[in-house]
Amino acid sequence: MSQFVSDVSEDFARLLLHLASGFPTARLTEQQIRIYHVALSALSPAQLTQACSRAVREGKFFPS
């Protein structure tokens, strides 16, 4: 993960990996983490945390 910390904050990557752990079949690549980072960059850390928690509680599949 440290190779792309300059592109993506370690906190964001950790949060996304934590989200993925709620979906056992999910596999995240570094490129996918970068894409999610760009797509979700307008959200605050609190909003991201809330969204990830909700996705784990209510989702059947990893968000795409």
Protein backbone atom coordinates (compact mmCIF):
# COMPACT_ATOMS: atom_id res chain seq x y z
CA MET A 1 0.00 0.00 0.00
CA SER A 2 2.86 2.40 0.71
CA GLN A 3 3.75 2.65 -3.01
CA PHE A 4 0.73 4.79 -3.76
CA VAL A 5 0.24 6.69 -0.51
CA SER A 6 1.21 9.85 -2.36
CA ASP A 7 -1.87 9.36 -4.59
CA VAL A 8 -4.22 8.10 -1.89
CA SER A 9 -4.13 8.79 1.82
CA GLU A 10 -3.34 5.80 3.96
CA ASP A 11 -6.50 6.48 6.00
CA PHE A 12 -8.65 6.33 2.87
CA ALA A 13 -7.00 3.11 1.67
CA ARG A 14 -7.40 1.57 5.11
CA LEU A 15 -11.09 2.51 5.21
CA LEU A 16 -11.69 1.04 1.77
CA LEU A 17 -9.87 -2.17 2.67
CA HIS A 18 -11.92 -2.38 5.85
CA LEU A 19 -15.08 -2.01 3.74
CA ALA A 20 -13.89 -4.77 1.43
CA SER A 21 -13.36 -7.07 4.40
CA GLY A 22 -17.13 -6.94 4.94
CA PHE A 23 -17.55 -8.57 1.54
CA PRO A 24 -15.46 -11.77 1.49
CA THR A 25 -15.47 -12.13 -2.30
CA ALA A 26 -14.32 -8.54 -2.92
CA ARG A 27 -10.81 -8.09 -4.24
CA LEU A 28 -9.38 -4.58 -4.48
CA THR A 29 -6.44 -3.61 -6.62
CA GLU A 30 -4.36 -0.48 -6.05
CA GLN A 31 -5.86 0.97 -9.24
CA GLN A 32 -9.39 0.42 -7.94
CA ILE A 33 -8.51 2.15 -4.68
CA ARG A 34 -7.21 5.14 -6.68
CA ILE A 35 -10.43 5.24 -8.71
CA TYR A 36 -12.58 5.15 -5.57
CA HIS A 37 -10.40 7.90 -4.08
CA VAL A 38 -11.06 10.20 -7.05
CA ALA A 39 -14.77 9.36 -7.16
CA LEU A 40 -15.29 9.91 -3.42
CA SER A 41 -12.92 12.84 -2.89
CA ALA A 42 -15.76 15.32 -2.28
CA LEU A 43 -16.90 13.43 0.82
CA SER A 44 -15.59 14.22 4.28
CA PRO A 45 -13.94 11.47 6.34
CA ALA A 46 -17.08 11.28 8.49
CA GLN A 47 -19.29 10.87 5.40
CA LEU A 48 -17.00 8.17 4.03
CA THR A 49 -17.04 6.27 7.30
CA GLN A 50 -20.83 6.49 7.49
CA ALA A 51 -21.22 5.36 3.87
CA CYS A 52 -18.88 2.39 4.37
CA SER A 53 -20.73 1.32 7.51
CA ARG A 54 -24.04 1.51 5.71
CA ALA A 55 -22.72 -0.44 2.73
CA VAL A 56 -21.58 -3.27 5.00
CA ARG A 57 -24.88 -3.30 6.90
CA GLU A 58 -27.21 -3.10 3.91
CA GLY A 59 -25.28 -4.28 0.85
CA LYS A 60 -25.23 -7.73 -0.64
CA PHE A 61 -22.22 -7.00 -2.86
CA PHE A 62 -19.21 -4.71 -2.69
CA PRO A 63 -20.26 -1.25 -3.95
CA SER A 64 -19.44 -0.57 -7.57
